[in-house]
N, C-alpha and C. Protein backbone atom coordinates (compact mmCIF):
# COMPACT_ATOMS: atom_id res chain seq x y z
N UNK A 1 26.23 107.33 168.45
CA UNK A 1 26.95 107.08 169.16
C UNK A 1 28.28 107.72 169.22
N UNK A 2 28.48 108.54 170.54
CA UNK A 2 29.78 109.72 169.34
C UNK A 2 30.69 108.98 169.44
N UNK A 3 32.93 109.76 168.88
CA UNK A 3 33.18 109.05 168.93
C UNK A 3 34.28 109.55 170.44
N UNK A 4 34.49 108.85 171.13
CA UNK A 4 36.10 110.13 172.05
C UNK A 4 37.34 110.45 171.95
N UNK A 5 37.99 111.25 172.00
CA UNK A 5 39.54 112.01 171.56
C UNK A 5 40.19 110.88 170.75
N UNK A 6 40.66 109.47 171.26
CA UNK A 6 41.60 108.86 171.14
C UNK A 6 40.68 108.03 170.26
N UNK A 7 39.35 108.17 169.69
CA UNK A 7 39.36 107.17 167.77
C UNK A 7 38.89 108.41 167.46
N UNK A 8 39.16 109.40 167.68
CA UNK A 8 38.41 111.18 166.80
C UNK A 8 40.04 110.78 166.45
N UNK A 9 41.43 110.84 166.90
CA UNK A 9 42.97 111.14 167.19
C UNK A 9 43.19 109.72 166.24
N UNK A 10 43.09 108.58 166.36
CA UNK A 10 43.06 107.33 165.14
C UNK A 10 42.42 107.12 164.07
N UNK A 11 40.87 108.11 163.68
CA UNK A 11 40.22 108.21 162.72
C UNK A 11 41.71 109.12 161.56
N UNK A 12 41.66 110.47 162.24
CA UNK A 12 42.27 111.71 161.91
C UNK A 12 43.64 111.08 161.74
N UNK A 13 44.38 109.92 161.98
CA UNK A 13 45.94 109.91 161.80
C UNK A 13 45.58 109.21 160.86
N UNK A 14 45.00 107.97 160.66
CA UNK A 14 44.40 107.74 159.58
C UNK A 14 44.14 107.91 157.87
N UNK A 15 43.25 109.02 158.47
CA UNK A 15 43.11 109.72 157.24
C UNK A 15 44.27 110.63 156.24
N UNK A 16 45.07 110.84 157.20
CA UNK A 16 46.48 111.72 157.31
C UNK A 16 47.11 111.08 156.71
N UNK A 17 47.42 109.51 156.34
CA UNK A 17 48.65 108.82 156.09
C UNK A 17 47.59 108.82 154.35
N UNK A 18 47.18 108.83 154.47
CA UNK A 18 46.38 108.67 153.18
C UNK A 18 46.75 109.83 152.72
N UNK A 19 46.66 110.94 153.23
CA UNK A 19 47.40 111.98 152.42
C UNK A 19 48.83 111.61 151.88
N UNK A 20 48.89 111.46 152.86
CA UNK A 20 50.86 111.02 152.93
C UNK A 20 50.69 110.61 151.74
N UNK A 21 49.89 109.20 151.33
CA UNK A 21 50.43 109.13 150.55
C UNK A 21 50.18 109.01 148.88
N UNK A 22 49.30 109.98 148.97
CA UNK A 22 48.86 110.90 148.13
C UNK A 22 49.82 111.56 147.28
N UNK A 23 50.15 112.53 148.59
CA UNK A 23 51.03 113.82 148.56
C UNK A 23 53.04 112.71 147.81
N UNK A 24 52.92 111.98 147.98
CA UNK A 24 54.18 110.53 146.83
C UNK A 24 53.55 110.55 146.44
N UNK A 25 52.61 110.42 146.08
CA UNK A 25 52.23 110.47 144.63
C UNK A 25 52.82 111.25 143.42
N UNK A 26 53.03 112.29 144.12
CA UNK A 26 53.57 113.77 143.18
C UNK A 26 55.06 113.77 142.49
N UNK A 27 55.75 112.67 143.87
CA UNK A 27 56.79 113.54 144.02
C UNK A 27 57.59 114.03 144.91
N UNK A 28 58.89 114.79 144.49
CA UNK A 28 59.39 115.66 145.12
C UNK A 28 58.84 116.71 145.69
N UNK A 29 57.29 117.70 144.76
CA UNK A 29 56.89 118.61 145.24
C UNK A 29 55.90 118.62 146.23
N UNK A 30 55.87 117.17 146.34
CA UNK A 30 55.08 116.61 148.04
C UNK A 30 55.58 116.76 149.13
N UNK A 31 57.31 116.54 149.13
CA UNK A 31 57.88 116.40 149.90
C UNK A 31 57.36 116.91 151.50
N UNK A 32 57.55 118.41 150.81
CA UNK A 32 57.54 119.28 152.15
C UNK A 32 55.97 118.47 152.90
N UNK A 33 55.09 118.57 152.55
CA UNK A 33 54.01 118.18 152.96
C UNK A 33 53.99 117.03 153.63
N UNK A 34 54.39 116.43 153.45
CA UNK A 34 54.29 115.02 153.66
C UNK A 34 55.06 114.95 154.66
N UNK A 35 56.23 115.32 154.90
CA UNK A 35 57.38 115.95 155.72
C UNK A 35 56.21 116.55 157.21
N UNK A 36 55.09 117.55 156.62
CA UNK A 36 54.60 118.37 157.86
C UNK A 36 53.37 118.03 158.50
N UNK A 37 53.34 116.73 157.77
CA UNK A 37 51.29 115.88 158.12
C UNK A 37 52.60 114.87 158.85
N UNK A 38 53.02 113.78 158.71
CA UNK A 38 54.07 113.05 159.61
C UNK A 38 54.24 113.74 160.60
N UNK A 39 54.62 115.43 160.39
CA UNK A 39 55.07 115.62 162.31
C UNK A 39 54.22 115.76 163.27
N UNK A 40 53.04 115.56 161.81
CA UNK A 40 51.80 116.03 162.68
C UNK A 40 51.53 114.86 163.41
N UNK A 41 51.62 113.55 162.84
CA UNK A 41 50.88 112.31 162.94
C UNK A 41 51.79 111.35 164.75
N UNK A 42 53.34 112.32 164.26
CA UNK A 42 54.19 111.45 165.45
C UNK A 42 53.83 113.05 166.70
N UNK A 43 53.78 113.98 166.88
CA UNK A 43 52.82 114.45 167.71
C UNK A 43 51.88 113.79 167.89
N UNK A 44 50.57 113.59 167.94
CA UNK A 44 49.62 112.36 168.44
C UNK A 44 50.22 111.54 168.51
N UNK A 45 51.20 110.86 168.47
CA UNK A 45 51.10 109.07 168.79
C UNK A 45 51.89 109.93 169.99
N UNK A 46 53.31 111.02 170.22
CA UNK A 46 53.64 111.21 170.98
C UNK A 46 52.49 111.48 172.53
N UNK A 47 51.30 112.48 172.45
CA UNK A 47 50.58 112.68 172.92
C UNK A 47 50.08 111.61 173.19
N UNK A 48 49.83 110.90 172.69
CA UNK A 48 48.82 109.52 173.50
C UNK A 48 49.63 108.39 174.41
N UNK A 49 51.00 108.27 173.90
CA UNK A 49 51.71 107.56 174.24
C UNK A 49 51.93 107.76 175.69
N UNK A 50 52.11 109.75 175.47
CA UNK A 50 52.57 110.16 177.11
C UNK A 50 50.94 110.45 177.73
N UNK A 51 49.36 109.50 177.58
CA UNK A 51 48.27 110.21 178.07
C UNK A 51 47.98 111.42 178.88
N UNK A 52 48.64 112.92 177.66
CA UNK A 52 48.51 114.07 177.91
C UNK A 52 46.87 115.06 177.12
N UNK A 53 46.34 114.86 177.75
CA UNK A 53 44.90 115.11 177.37
C UNK A 53 45.14 116.17 176.30
N UNK A 54 45.39 117.14 176.69
CA UNK A 54 45.78 118.60 176.14
C UNK A 54 46.57 118.60 174.98
N UNK A 55 47.80 118.01 174.90
CA UNK A 55 48.69 117.70 173.49
C UNK A 55 47.52 116.99 172.91
N UNK A 56 46.49 115.85 172.97
CA UNK A 56 46.45 115.35 172.41
C UNK A 56 44.71 115.52 171.86
N UNK A 57 44.28 117.27 172.10
CA UNK A 57 43.47 117.81 172.08
C UNK A 57 43.54 119.14 170.60
N UNK A 58 44.68 119.52 171.41
CA UNK A 58 46.11 119.90 169.57
C UNK A 58 46.51 119.70 168.82
N UNK A 59 47.16 118.12 169.07
CA UNK A 59 47.41 117.02 167.67
C UNK A 59 45.66 116.92 167.33
N UNK A 60 45.06 116.73 167.61
CA UNK A 60 43.26 116.60 167.14
C UNK A 60 43.23 117.44 165.98
N UNK A 61 42.98 119.02 166.50
CA UNK A 61 42.73 120.00 166.40
C UNK A 61 44.27 120.13 164.70
N UNK A 62 45.19 119.89 164.40
CA UNK A 62 46.31 120.00 164.18
C UNK A 62 45.88 118.42 162.55
N UNK A 63 45.54 117.55 163.17
CA UNK A 63 45.34 116.80 162.28
C UNK A 63 44.19 116.57 161.17
N UNK A 64 42.96 117.42 161.96
CA UNK A 64 42.01 117.68 161.48
C UNK A 64 42.31 118.82 160.25
N UNK A 65 43.39 119.98 160.58
CA UNK A 65 43.35 120.77 159.11
C UNK A 65 44.62 120.44 158.03
N UNK A 66 45.22 119.33 158.33
CA UNK A 66 45.77 118.37 157.06
C UNK A 66 45.16 118.28 156.07
N UNK A 67 45.38 118.99 154.87
CA UNK A 67 44.61 119.00 153.20
C UNK A 67 45.41 118.47 152.46
C-alpha cells in the first residue's frame, strides 16, 4: 500500500518530534537543533491547515532532512 502526502507528512512530523525530545536530552547544546526542527514542523502544520499542496511537499522534504 502506498502512502499519500498527508500520511507521509504526519509520519515525518512524528519522527521529528522524537528528534526534538532527543536533542532536549543533551541540554543547551541541542537548543538550536530543537528550534530548527520545531520550525519545520510548524511550517508543515501551516501548510496542512492552509491546504497548500506545494507547501506541503516542500515541508515534507524539509522534514525528511531533519537529523
